[in-house]
Amino acid sequence: ETPHEFGERLRAQLPEAAGELDALTESYVAAAYAPAEPSREEGRRAR
């Protein structure tokens, strides 16, 4: 599973947290695959 595919499955179990789940998945993908390091603000947002 990709992070997005996993997120879709987890979203089905936690529909009330879908927005947070999508946002954290996007943060993870950006941190894992983007050439630049995440900013401190992005880290605070993810936490």
All heavy atoms as atom14 arrays in JSON, in Angstrom:
{
  "sequence": "ETPHEFGERLRAQLPEAAGELDALTESYVAAAYAPAEPSREEGRRAR",
  "atom14_mask": [
    [1, 1, 1, 1, 1, 1, 1, 1, 1, 0, 0, 0, 0, 0],
    [1, 1, 1, 1, 1, 1, 1, 0, 0, 0, 0, 0, 0, 0],
    [1, 1, 1, 1, 1, 1, 1, 0, 0, 0, 0, 0, 0, 0],
    [1, 1, 1, 1, 1, 1, 1, 1, 1, 1, 0, 0, 0, 0],
    [1, 1, 1, 1, 1, 1, 1, 1, 1, 0, 0, 0, 0, 0],
    [1, 1, 1, 1, 1, 1, 1, 1, 1, 1, 1, 0, 0, 0],
    [1, 1, 1, 1, 0, 0, 0, 0, 0, 0, 0, 0, 0, 0],
    [1, 1, 1, 1, 1, 1, 1, 1, 1, 0, 0, 0, 0, 0],
    [1, 1, 1, 1, 1, 1, 1, 1, 1, 1, 1, 0, 0, 0],
    [1, 1, 1, 1, 1, 1, 1, 1, 0, 0, 0, 0, 0, 0],
    [1, 1, 1, 1, 1, 1, 1, 1, 1, 1, 1, 0, 0, 0],
    [1, 1, 1, 1, 1, 0, 0, 0, 0, 0, 0, 0, 0, 0],
    [1, 1, 1, 1, 1, 1, 1, 1, 1, 0, 0, 0, 0, 0],
    [1, 1, 1, 1, 1, 1, 1, 1, 0, 0, 0, 0, 0, 0],
    [1, 1, 1, 1, 1, 1, 1, 0, 0, 0, 0, 0, 0, 0],
    [1, 1, 1, 1, 1, 1, 1, 1, 1, 0, 0, 0, 0, 0],
    [1, 1, 1, 1, 1, 0, 0, 0, 0, 0, 0, 0, 0, 0],
    [1, 1, 1, 1, 1, 0, 0, 0, 0, 0, 0, 0, 0, 0],
    [1, 1, 1, 1, 0, 0, 0, 0, 0, 0, 0, 0, 0, 0],
    [1, 1, 1, 1, 1, 1, 1, 1, 1, 0, 0, 0, 0, 0],
    [1, 1, 1, 1, 1, 1, 1, 1, 0, 0, 0, 0, 0, 0],
    [1, 1, 1, 1, 1, 1, 1, 1, 0, 0, 0, 0, 0, 0],
    [1, 1, 1, 1, 1, 0, 0, 0, 0, 0, 0, 0, 0, 0],
    [1, 1, 1, 1, 1, 1, 1, 1, 0, 0, 0, 0, 0, 0],
    [1, 1, 1, 1, 1, 1, 1, 0, 0, 0, 0, 0, 0, 0],
    [1, 1, 1, 1, 1, 1, 1, 1, 1, 0, 0, 0, 0, 0],
    [1, 1, 1, 1, 1, 1, 0, 0, 0, 0, 0, 0, 0, 0],
    [1, 1, 1, 1, 1, 1, 1, 1, 1, 1, 1, 1, 0, 0],
    [1, 1, 1, 1, 1, 1, 1, 0, 0, 0, 0, 0, 0, 0],
    [1, 1, 1, 1, 1, 0, 0, 0, 0, 0, 0, 0, 0, 0],
    [1, 1, 1, 1, 1, 0, 0, 0, 0, 0, 0, 0, 0, 0],
    [1, 1, 1, 1, 1, 0, 0, 0, 0, 0, 0, 0, 0, 0],
    [1, 1, 1, 1, 1, 1, 1, 1, 1, 1, 1, 1, 0, 0],
    [1, 1, 1, 1, 1, 0, 0, 0, 0, 0, 0, 0, 0, 0],
    [1, 1, 1, 1, 1, 1, 1, 0, 0, 0, 0, 0, 0, 0],
    [1, 1, 1, 1, 1, 0, 0, 0, 0, 0, 0, 0, 0, 0],
    [1, 1, 1, 1, 1, 1, 1, 1, 1, 0, 0, 0, 0, 0],
    [1, 1, 1, 1, 1, 1, 1, 0, 0, 0, 0, 0, 0, 0],
    [1, 1, 1, 1, 1, 1, 0, 0, 0, 0, 0, 0, 0, 0],
    [1, 1, 1, 1, 1, 1, 1, 1, 1, 1, 1, 0, 0, 0],
    [1, 1, 1, 1, 1, 1, 1, 1, 1, 0, 0, 0, 0, 0],
    [1, 1, 1, 1, 1, 1, 1, 1, 1, 0, 0, 0, 0, 0],
    [1, 1, 1, 1, 0, 0, 0, 0, 0, 0, 0, 0, 0, 0],
    [1, 1, 1, 1, 1, 1, 1, 1, 1, 1, 1, 0, 0, 0],
    [1, 1, 1, 1, 1, 1, 1, 1, 1, 1, 1, 0, 0, 0],
    [1, 1, 1, 1, 1, 0, 0, 0, 0, 0, 0, 0, 0, 0],
    [1, 1, 1, 1, 1, 1, 1, 1, 1, 1, 1, 0, 0, 0]
  ],
  "atom14_positions": [
    [[0.81, -1.21, 0.0], [0.0, 0.0, 0.0], [0.85, 1.27, 0.0], [1.83, 1.36, 0.72], [-0.88, 0.06, 1.26], [-2.15, -0.69, 1.16], [-3.0, -0.51, 2.39], [-2.49, -0.58, 3.52], [-4.2, -0.31, 2.21], [0.0, 0.0, 0.0], [0.0, 0.0, 0.0], [0.0, 0.0, 0.0], [0.0, 0.0, 0.0], [0.0, 0.0, 0.0]],
    [[0.41, 2.23, -0.77], [1.02, 3.55, -0.69], [0.44, 4.25, 0.55], [-0.6, 3.82, 1.08], [0.67, 4.39, -1.94], [-0.74, 4.69, -1.92], [1.07, 3.68, -3.22], [0.0, 0.0, 0.0], [0.0, 0.0, 0.0], [0.0, 0.0, 0.0], [0.0, 0.0, 0.0], [0.0, 0.0, 0.0], [0.0, 0.0, 0.0], [0.0, 0.0, 0.0]],
    [[1.06, 5.32, 0.99], [0.47, 6.07, 2.12], [-0.96, 6.52, 1.82], [-1.82, 6.49, 2.7], [1.41, 7.26, 2.27], [2.73, 6.76, 1.78], [2.38, 5.86, 0.63], [0.0, 0.0, 0.0], [0.0, 0.0, 0.0], [0.0, 0.0, 0.0], [0.0, 0.0, 0.0], [0.0, 0.0, 0.0], [0.0, 0.0, 0.0], [0.0, 0.0, 0.0]],
    [[-1.23, 6.91, 0.59], [-2.58, 7.36, 0.25], [-3.59, 6.21, 0.27], [-4.73, 6.38, 0.72], [-2.59, 8.06, -1.11], [-1.9, 9.37, -1.07], [-0.64, 9.56, -1.58], [-2.28, 10.56, -0.56], [-0.27, 10.82, -1.38], [-1.24, 11.45, -0.77], [0.0, 0.0, 0.0], [0.0, 0.0, 0.0], [0.0, 0.0, 0.0], [0.0, 0.0, 0.0]],
    [[-3.2, 5.05, -0.21], [-4.09, 3.89, -0.17], [-4.39, 3.49, 1.27], [-5.54, 3.19, 1.62], [-3.48, 2.72, -0.94], [-3.43, 2.95, -2.42], [-2.56, 1.94, -3.15], [-1.67, 1.32, -2.54], [-2.78, 1.77, -4.37], [0.0, 0.0, 0.0], [0.0, 0.0, 0.0], [0.0, 0.0, 0.0], [0.0, 0.0, 0.0], [0.0, 0.0, 0.0]],
    [[-3.36, 3.49, 2.1], [-3.55, 3.18, 3.51], [-4.49, 4.21, 4.14], [-5.4, 3.87, 4.89], [-2.2, 3.16, 4.23], [-2.34, 3.1, 5.72], [-2.81, 1.96, 6.35], [-2.0, 4.19, 6.5], [-2.95, 1.9, 7.72], [-2.12, 4.15, 7.88], [-2.6, 3.0, 8.49], [0.0, 0.0, 0.0], [0.0, 0.0, 0.0], [0.0, 0.0, 0.0]],
    [[-4.28, 5.47, 3.83], [-5.13, 6.53, 4.36], [-6.6, 6.33, 4.01], [-7.48, 6.56, 4.84], [0.0, 0.0, 0.0], [0.0, 0.0, 0.0], [0.0, 0.0, 0.0], [0.0, 0.0, 0.0], [0.0, 0.0, 0.0], [0.0, 0.0, 0.0], [0.0, 0.0, 0.0], [0.0, 0.0, 0.0], [0.0, 0.0, 0.0], [0.0, 0.0, 0.0]],
    [[-6.86, 5.88, 2.8], [-8.24, 5.62, 2.39], [-8.87, 4.53, 3.25], [-10.02, 4.66, 3.68], [-8.29, 5.21, 0.92], [-8.05, 6.34, -0.04], [-8.06, 5.87, -1.49], [-8.77, 4.9, -1.81], [-7.33, 6.49, -2.29], [0.0, 0.0, 0.0], [0.0, 0.0, 0.0], [0.0, 0.0, 0.0], [0.0, 0.0, 0.0], [0.0, 0.0, 0.0]],
    [[-8.13, 3.46, 3.49], [-8.67, 2.38, 4.33], [-8.89, 2.85, 5.76], [-9.91, 2.55, 6.38], [-7.73, 1.16, 4.33], [-7.95, 0.23, 3.21], [-7.29, -1.13, 3.36], [-5.97, -1.12, 3.96], [-5.7, -1.6, 5.19], [-6.64, -2.12, 5.93], [-4.46, -1.57, 5.65], [0.0, 0.0, 0.0], [0.0, 0.0, 0.0], [0.0, 0.0, 0.0]],
    [[-7.94, 3.6, 6.3], [-8.06, 4.07, 7.67], [-9.19, 5.09, 7.78], [-9.92, 5.12, 8.77], [-6.74, 4.65, 8.15], [-6.67, 5.07, 9.62], [-7.1, 3.93, 10.55], [-5.27, 5.54, 9.95], [0.0, 0.0, 0.0], [0.0, 0.0, 0.0], [0.0, 0.0, 0.0], [0.0, 0.0, 0.0], [0.0, 0.0, 0.0], [0.0, 0.0, 0.0]],
    [[-9.35, 5.9, 6.77], [-10.43, 6.89, 6.75], [-11.8, 6.21, 6.9], [-12.7, 6.75, 7.55], [-10.38, 7.7, 5.47], [-11.24, 8.93, 5.51], [-11.2, 9.76, 4.24], [-9.87, 10.0, 3.72], [-9.41, 9.51, 2.57], [-10.17, 8.76, 1.8], [-8.2, 9.79, 2.15], [0.0, 0.0, 0.0], [0.0, 0.0, 0.0], [0.0, 0.0, 0.0]],
    [[-11.96, 5.03, 6.33], [-13.22, 4.31, 6.45], [-13.5, 3.94, 7.91], [-14.66, 3.86, 8.32], [-13.19, 3.05, 5.58], [0.0, 0.0, 0.0], [0.0, 0.0, 0.0], [0.0, 0.0, 0.0], [0.0, 0.0, 0.0], [0.0, 0.0, 0.0], [0.0, 0.0, 0.0], [0.0, 0.0, 0.0], [0.0, 0.0, 0.0], [0.0, 0.0, 0.0]],
    [[-12.45, 3.72, 8.7], [-12.61, 3.38, 10.11], [-12.74, 4.61, 10.99], [-13.3, 4.53, 12.08], [-11.41, 2.56, 10.59], [-11.24, 1.23, 9.9], [-12.42, 0.31, 10.17], [-12.85, 0.17, 11.31], [-12.95, -0.28, 9.13], [0.0, 0.0, 0.0], [0.0, 0.0, 0.0], [0.0, 0.0, 0.0], [0.0, 0.0, 0.0], [0.0, 0.0, 0.0]],
    [[-12.2, 5.73, 10.55], [-12.19, 6.96, 11.35], [-12.72, 8.13, 10.53], [-12.02, 9.12, 10.31], [-10.76, 7.27, 11.81], [-10.04, 6.21, 12.63], [-8.59, 6.59, 12.82], [-10.74, 6.03, 13.97], [0.0, 0.0, 0.0], [0.0, 0.0, 0.0], [0.0, 0.0, 0.0], [0.0, 0.0, 0.0], [0.0, 0.0, 0.0], [0.0, 0.0, 0.0]],
    [[-13.96, 8.06, 10.07], [-14.46, 9.13, 9.2], [-14.46, 10.5, 9.88], [-14.3, 11.52, 9.2], [-15.89, 8.67, 8.85], [-16.25, 7.67, 9.89], [-14.97, 7.04, 10.33], [0.0, 0.0, 0.0], [0.0, 0.0, 0.0], [0.0, 0.0, 0.0], [0.0, 0.0, 0.0], [0.0, 0.0, 0.0], [0.0, 0.0, 0.0], [0.0, 0.0, 0.0]],
    [[-14.58, 10.53, 11.19], [-14.58, 11.8, 11.9], [-13.22, 12.49, 11.88], [-13.12, 13.69, 12.16], [-15.04, 11.61, 13.36], [-14.05, 10.89, 14.25], [-13.99, 9.36, 14.08], [-14.71, 8.8, 13.25], [-13.2, 8.74, 14.81], [0.0, 0.0, 0.0], [0.0, 0.0, 0.0], [0.0, 0.0, 0.0], [0.0, 0.0, 0.0], [0.0, 0.0, 0.0]],
    [[-12.18, 11.76, 11.54], [-10.83, 12.32, 11.5], [-10.26, 12.34, 10.09], [-9.05, 12.43, 9.91], [-9.92, 11.5, 12.43], [0.0, 0.0, 0.0], [0.0, 0.0, 0.0], [0.0, 0.0, 0.0], [0.0, 0.0, 0.0], [0.0, 0.0, 0.0], [0.0, 0.0, 0.0], [0.0, 0.0, 0.0], [0.0, 0.0, 0.0], [0.0, 0.0, 0.0]],
    [[-11.13, 12.29, 9.09], [-10.67, 12.21, 7.7], [-9.79, 13.4, 7.31], [-8.77, 13.23, 6.65], [-11.87, 12.1, 6.76], [0.0, 0.0, 0.0], [0.0, 0.0, 0.0], [0.0, 0.0, 0.0], [0.0, 0.0, 0.0], [0.0, 0.0, 0.0], [0.0, 0.0, 0.0], [0.0, 0.0, 0.0], [0.0, 0.0, 0.0], [0.0, 0.0, 0.0]],
    [[-10.17, 14.58, 7.71], [-9.39, 15.77, 7.35], [-7.98, 15.72, 7.92], [-7.0, 15.99, 7.22], [0.0, 0.0, 0.0], [0.0, 0.0, 0.0], [0.0, 0.0, 0.0], [0.0, 0.0, 0.0], [0.0, 0.0, 0.0], [0.0, 0.0, 0.0], [0.0, 0.0, 0.0], [0.0, 0.0, 0.0], [0.0, 0.0, 0.0], [0.0, 0.0, 0.0]],
    [[-7.87, 15.38, 9.2], [-6.56, 15.28, 9.84], [-5.73, 14.17, 9.22], [-4.54, 14.31, 8.99], [-6.7, 15.03, 11.35], [-7.22, 16.21, 12.11], [-8.74, 16.27, 12.2], [-9.42, 15.47, 11.51], [-9.24, 17.13, 12.94], [0.0, 0.0, 0.0], [0.0, 0.0, 0.0], [0.0, 0.0, 0.0], [0.0, 0.0, 0.0], [0.0, 0.0, 0.0]],
    [[-6.38, 13.05, 8.93], [-5.68, 11.92, 8.32], [-5.13, 12.29, 6.95], [-3.96, 12.02, 6.64], [-6.61, 10.73, 8.22], [-6.04, 9.46, 7.63], [-4.82, 9.0, 8.4], [-7.09, 8.38, 7.6], [0.0, 0.0, 0.0], [0.0, 0.0, 0.0], [0.0, 0.0, 0.0], [0.0, 0.0, 0.0], [0.0, 0.0, 0.0], [0.0, 0.0, 0.0]],
    [[-5.94, 12.94, 6.14], [-5.48, 13.36, 4.81], [-4.32, 14.34, 4.93], [-3.32, 14.23, 4.2], [-6.62, 14.0, 4.02], [-7.69, 13.0, 3.62], [-7.45, 11.78, 3.69], [-8.79, 13.46, 3.24], [0.0, 0.0, 0.0], [0.0, 0.0, 0.0], [0.0, 0.0, 0.0], [0.0, 0.0, 0.0], [0.0, 0.0, 0.0], [0.0, 0.0, 0.0]],
    [[-4.44, 15.3, 5.84], [-3.39, 16.31, 6.01], [-2.09, 15.68, 6.51], [-1.0, 16.02, 6.03], [-3.86, 17.41, 6.95], [0.0, 0.0, 0.0], [0.0, 0.0, 0.0], [0.0, 0.0, 0.0], [0.0, 0.0, 0.0], [0.0, 0.0, 0.0], [0.0, 0.0, 0.0], [0.0, 0.0, 0.0], [0.0, 0.0, 0.0], [0.0, 0.0, 0.0]],
    [[-2.17, 14.76, 7.47], [-0.96, 14.11, 7.98], [-0.33, 13.24, 6.9], [0.9, 13.2, 6.77], [-1.24, 13.3, 9.24], [0.0, 12.74, 9.93], [0.93, 13.87, 10.39], [-0.39, 11.88, 11.11], [0.0, 0.0, 0.0], [0.0, 0.0, 0.0], [0.0, 0.0, 0.0], [0.0, 0.0, 0.0], [0.0, 0.0, 0.0], [0.0, 0.0, 0.0]],
    [[-1.14, 12.56, 6.12], [-0.61, 11.75, 5.02], [0.14, 12.64, 4.03], [1.26, 12.3, 3.61], [-1.74, 10.98, 4.32], [-2.36, 10.1, 5.26], [-1.21, 10.17, 3.14], [0.0, 0.0, 0.0], [0.0, 0.0, 0.0], [0.0, 0.0, 0.0], [0.0, 0.0, 0.0], [0.0, 0.0, 0.0], [0.0, 0.0, 0.0], [0.0, 0.0, 0.0]],
    [[-0.44, 13.76, 3.68], [0.23, 14.69, 2.75], [1.53, 15.2, 3.35], [2.54, 15.31, 2.65], [-0.69, 15.85, 2.39], [-1.83, 15.47, 1.48], [-1.4, 14.8, 0.18], [-0.38, 15.23, -0.42], [-2.06, 13.84, -0.23], [0.0, 0.0, 0.0], [0.0, 0.0, 0.0], [0.0, 0.0, 0.0], [0.0, 0.0, 0.0], [0.0, 0.0, 0.0]],
    [[1.53, 15.52, 4.63], [2.76, 15.98, 5.3], [3.83, 14.9, 5.26], [5.0, 15.18, 5.0], [2.47, 16.37, 6.75], [1.69, 17.52, 6.81], [0.0, 0.0, 0.0], [0.0, 0.0, 0.0], [0.0, 0.0, 0.0], [0.0, 0.0, 0.0], [0.0, 0.0, 0.0], [0.0, 0.0, 0.0], [0.0, 0.0, 0.0], [0.0, 0.0, 0.0]],
    [[3.42, 13.66, 5.52], [4.38, 12.55, 5.5], [4.96, 12.37, 4.1], [6.18, 12.25, 3.94], [3.72, 11.25, 5.97], [4.58, 10.06, 5.66], [5.73, 9.81, 6.4], [4.27, 9.21, 4.6], [6.55, 8.74, 6.09], [5.09, 8.14, 4.3], [6.23, 7.9, 5.04], [7.04, 6.84, 4.73], [0.0, 0.0, 0.0], [0.0, 0.0, 0.0]],
    [[4.11, 12.35, 3.1], [4.57, 12.15, 1.72], [5.55, 13.27, 1.34], [6.6, 13.01, 0.76], [3.38, 12.06, 0.74], [3.83, 12.13, -0.7], [2.6, 10.77, 1.0], [0.0, 0.0, 0.0], [0.0, 0.0, 0.0], [0.0, 0.0, 0.0], [0.0, 0.0, 0.0], [0.0, 0.0, 0.0], [0.0, 0.0, 0.0], [0.0, 0.0, 0.0]],
    [[5.21, 14.5, 1.68], [6.11, 15.62, 1.36], [7.44, 15.48, 2.09], [8.51, 15.67, 1.49], [5.44, 16.94, 1.73], [0.0, 0.0, 0.0], [0.0, 0.0, 0.0], [0.0, 0.0, 0.0], [0.0, 0.0, 0.0], [0.0, 0.0, 0.0], [0.0, 0.0, 0.0], [0.0, 0.0, 0.0], [0.0, 0.0, 0.0], [0.0, 0.0, 0.0]],
    [[7.4, 15.11, 3.36], [8.64, 14.97, 4.14], [9.49, 13.81, 3.63], [10.71, 13.89, 3.59], [8.32, 14.78, 5.61], [0.0, 0.0, 0.0], [0.0, 0.0, 0.0], [0.0, 0.0, 0.0], [0.0, 0.0, 0.0], [0.0, 0.0, 0.0], [0.0, 0.0, 0.0], [0.0, 0.0, 0.0], [0.0, 0.0, 0.0], [0.0, 0.0, 0.0]],
    [[8.83, 12.73, 3.23], [9.56, 11.54, 2.81], [10.14, 11.65, 1.4], [11.2, 11.1, 1.12], [8.64, 10.31, 2.88], [0.0, 0.0, 0.0], [0.0, 0.0, 0.0], [0.0, 0.0, 0.0], [0.0, 0.0, 0.0], [0.0, 0.0, 0.0], [0.0, 0.0, 0.0], [0.0, 0.0, 0.0], [0.0, 0.0, 0.0], [0.0, 0.0, 0.0]],
    [[9.45, 12.37, 0.52], [9.84, 12.35, -0.88], [10.29, 13.68, -1.47], [10.83, 13.71, -2.56], [8.7, 11.77, -1.72], [8.36, 10.36, -1.3], [7.22, 10.09, -0.56], [9.21, 9.3, -1.61], [6.92, 8.79, -0.15], [8.91, 8.01, -1.21], [7.77, 7.77, -0.47], [7.49, 6.5, -0.07], [0.0, 0.0, 0.0], [0.0, 0.0, 0.0]],
    [[10.05, 14.77, -0.77], [10.48, 16.08, -1.28], [11.97, 16.26, -1.05], [12.52, 15.74, -0.08], [9.7, 17.19, -0.6], [0.0, 0.0, 0.0], [0.0, 0.0, 0.0], [0.0, 0.0, 0.0], [0.0, 0.0, 0.0], [0.0, 0.0, 0.0], [0.0, 0.0, 0.0], [0.0, 0.0, 0.0], [0.0, 0.0, 0.0], [0.0, 0.0, 0.0]],
    [[12.63, 16.99, -1.92], [14.07, 17.18, -1.76], [14.44, 18.04, -0.55], [15.5, 17.87, 0.03], [14.5, 17.85, -3.06], [13.27, 18.39, -3.66], [12.12, 17.58, -3.14], [0.0, 0.0, 0.0], [0.0, 0.0, 0.0], [0.0, 0.0, 0.0], [0.0, 0.0, 0.0], [0.0, 0.0, 0.0], [0.0, 0.0, 0.0], [0.0, 0.0, 0.0]],
    [[13.55, 18.94, -0.15], [13.85, 19.84, 0.98], [13.35, 19.25, 2.29], [12.35, 18.52, 2.32], [13.19, 21.19, 0.75], [0.0, 0.0, 0.0], [0.0, 0.0, 0.0], [0.0, 0.0, 0.0], [0.0, 0.0, 0.0], [0.0, 0.0, 0.0], [0.0, 0.0, 0.0], [0.0, 0.0, 0.0], [0.0, 0.0, 0.0], [0.0, 0.0, 0.0]],
    [[14.04, 19.57, 3.36], [13.61, 19.16, 4.7], [12.34, 19.93, 5.07], [12.19, 21.09, 4.69], [14.69, 19.48, 5.73], [15.93, 18.61, 5.6], [15.66, 17.18, 6.03], [15.01, 16.96, 7.07], [16.09, 16.27, 5.29], [0.0, 0.0, 0.0], [0.0, 0.0, 0.0], [0.0, 0.0, 0.0], [0.0, 0.0, 0.0], [0.0, 0.0, 0.0]],
    [[11.44, 19.31, 5.85], [10.26, 20.04, 6.29], [10.66, 21.2, 7.21], [11.64, 21.1, 7.95], [9.45, 19.0, 7.07], [10.12, 17.7, 6.85], [11.47, 17.94, 6.3], [0.0, 0.0, 0.0], [0.0, 0.0, 0.0], [0.0, 0.0, 0.0], [0.0, 0.0, 0.0], [0.0, 0.0, 0.0], [0.0, 0.0, 0.0], [0.0, 0.0, 0.0]],
    [[9.89, 22.26, 7.17], [10.15, 23.41, 8.05], [9.69, 23.09, 9.47], [8.95, 22.13, 9.7], [9.4, 24.64, 7.53], [8.0, 24.46, 7.7], [0.0, 0.0, 0.0], [0.0, 0.0, 0.0], [0.0, 0.0, 0.0], [0.0, 0.0, 0.0], [0.0, 0.0, 0.0], [0.0, 0.0, 0.0], [0.0, 0.0, 0.0], [0.0, 0.0, 0.0]],
    [[10.11, 23.93, 10.4], [9.65, 23.75, 11.79], [8.14, 23.9, 11.87], [7.49, 23.18, 12.63], [10.33, 24.77, 12.69], [11.75, 24.46, 12.95], [12.35, 25.43, 13.92], [13.76, 25.12, 14.07], [14.5, 25.52, 15.06], [13.97, 26.27, 16.0], [15.77, 25.19, 15.12], [0.0, 0.0, 0.0], [0.0, 0.0, 0.0], [0.0, 0.0, 0.0]],
    [[7.61, 24.83, 11.12], [6.15, 25.03, 11.11], [5.44, 23.78, 10.62], [4.42, 23.37, 11.17], [5.77, 26.23, 10.25], [4.28, 26.48, 10.17], [3.62, 26.69, 11.53], [4.23, 27.28, 12.44], [2.47, 26.24, 11.69], [0.0, 0.0, 0.0], [0.0, 0.0, 0.0], [0.0, 0.0, 0.0], [0.0, 0.0, 0.0], [0.0, 0.0, 0.0]],
    [[5.96, 23.15, 9.57], [5.36, 21.91, 9.07], [5.43, 20.82, 10.13], [4.5, 20.03, 10.3], [6.05, 21.46, 7.78], [5.73, 22.38, 6.61], [6.65, 22.17, 5.42], [7.83, 21.78, 5.62], [6.2, 22.42, 4.3], [0.0, 0.0, 0.0], [0.0, 0.0, 0.0], [0.0, 0.0, 0.0], [0.0, 0.0, 0.0], [0.0, 0.0, 0.0]],
    [[6.54, 20.76, 10.86], [6.68, 19.79, 11.95], [5.67, 20.03, 13.05], [5.04, 19.09, 13.55], [0.0, 0.0, 0.0], [0.0, 0.0, 0.0], [0.0, 0.0, 0.0], [0.0, 0.0, 0.0], [0.0, 0.0, 0.0], [0.0, 0.0, 0.0], [0.0, 0.0, 0.0], [0.0, 0.0, 0.0], [0.0, 0.0, 0.0], [0.0, 0.0, 0.0]],
    [[5.47, 21.29, 13.44], [4.48, 21.62, 14.47], [3.07, 21.25, 14.0], [2.27, 20.69, 14.76], [4.53, 23.11, 14.81], [5.67, 23.47, 15.74], [5.52, 24.9, 16.25], [5.73, 25.88, 15.2], [6.92, 26.37, 14.85], [8.01, 25.97, 15.47], [7.01, 27.27, 13.9], [0.0, 0.0, 0.0], [0.0, 0.0, 0.0], [0.0, 0.0, 0.0]],
    [[2.8, 21.54, 12.75], [1.48, 21.2, 12.2], [1.25, 19.69, 12.22], [0.19, 19.23, 12.62], [1.37, 21.73, 10.77], [0.03, 21.46, 10.13], [-0.08, 22.18, 8.78], [-1.32, 21.87, 8.16], [-1.5, 20.9, 7.25], [-0.48, 20.19, 6.84], [-2.68, 20.68, 6.73], [0.0, 0.0, 0.0], [0.0, 0.0, 0.0], [0.0, 0.0, 0.0]],
    [[2.25, 18.93, 11.83], [2.12, 17.47, 11.82], [1.92, 16.93, 13.24], [1.1, 16.03, 13.45], [3.36, 16.83, 11.18], [0.0, 0.0, 0.0], [0.0, 0.0, 0.0], [0.0, 0.0, 0.0], [0.0, 0.0, 0.0], [0.0, 0.0, 0.0], [0.0, 0.0, 0.0], [0.0, 0.0, 0.0], [0.0, 0.0, 0.0], [0.0, 0.0, 0.0]],
    [[2.62, 17.5, 14.21], [2.44, 17.04, 15.6], [1.02, 17.34, 16.09], [0.42, 16.54, 16.8], [3.48, 17.66, 16.51], [4.85, 17.01, 16.35], [5.84, 17.5, 17.39], [6.18, 18.9, 17.24], [7.05, 19.39, 16.38], [7.71, 18.58, 15.57], [7.3, 20.69, 16.32], [0.0, 0.0, 0.0], [0.0, 0.0, 0.0], [0.0, 0.0, 0.0]]
  ]
}
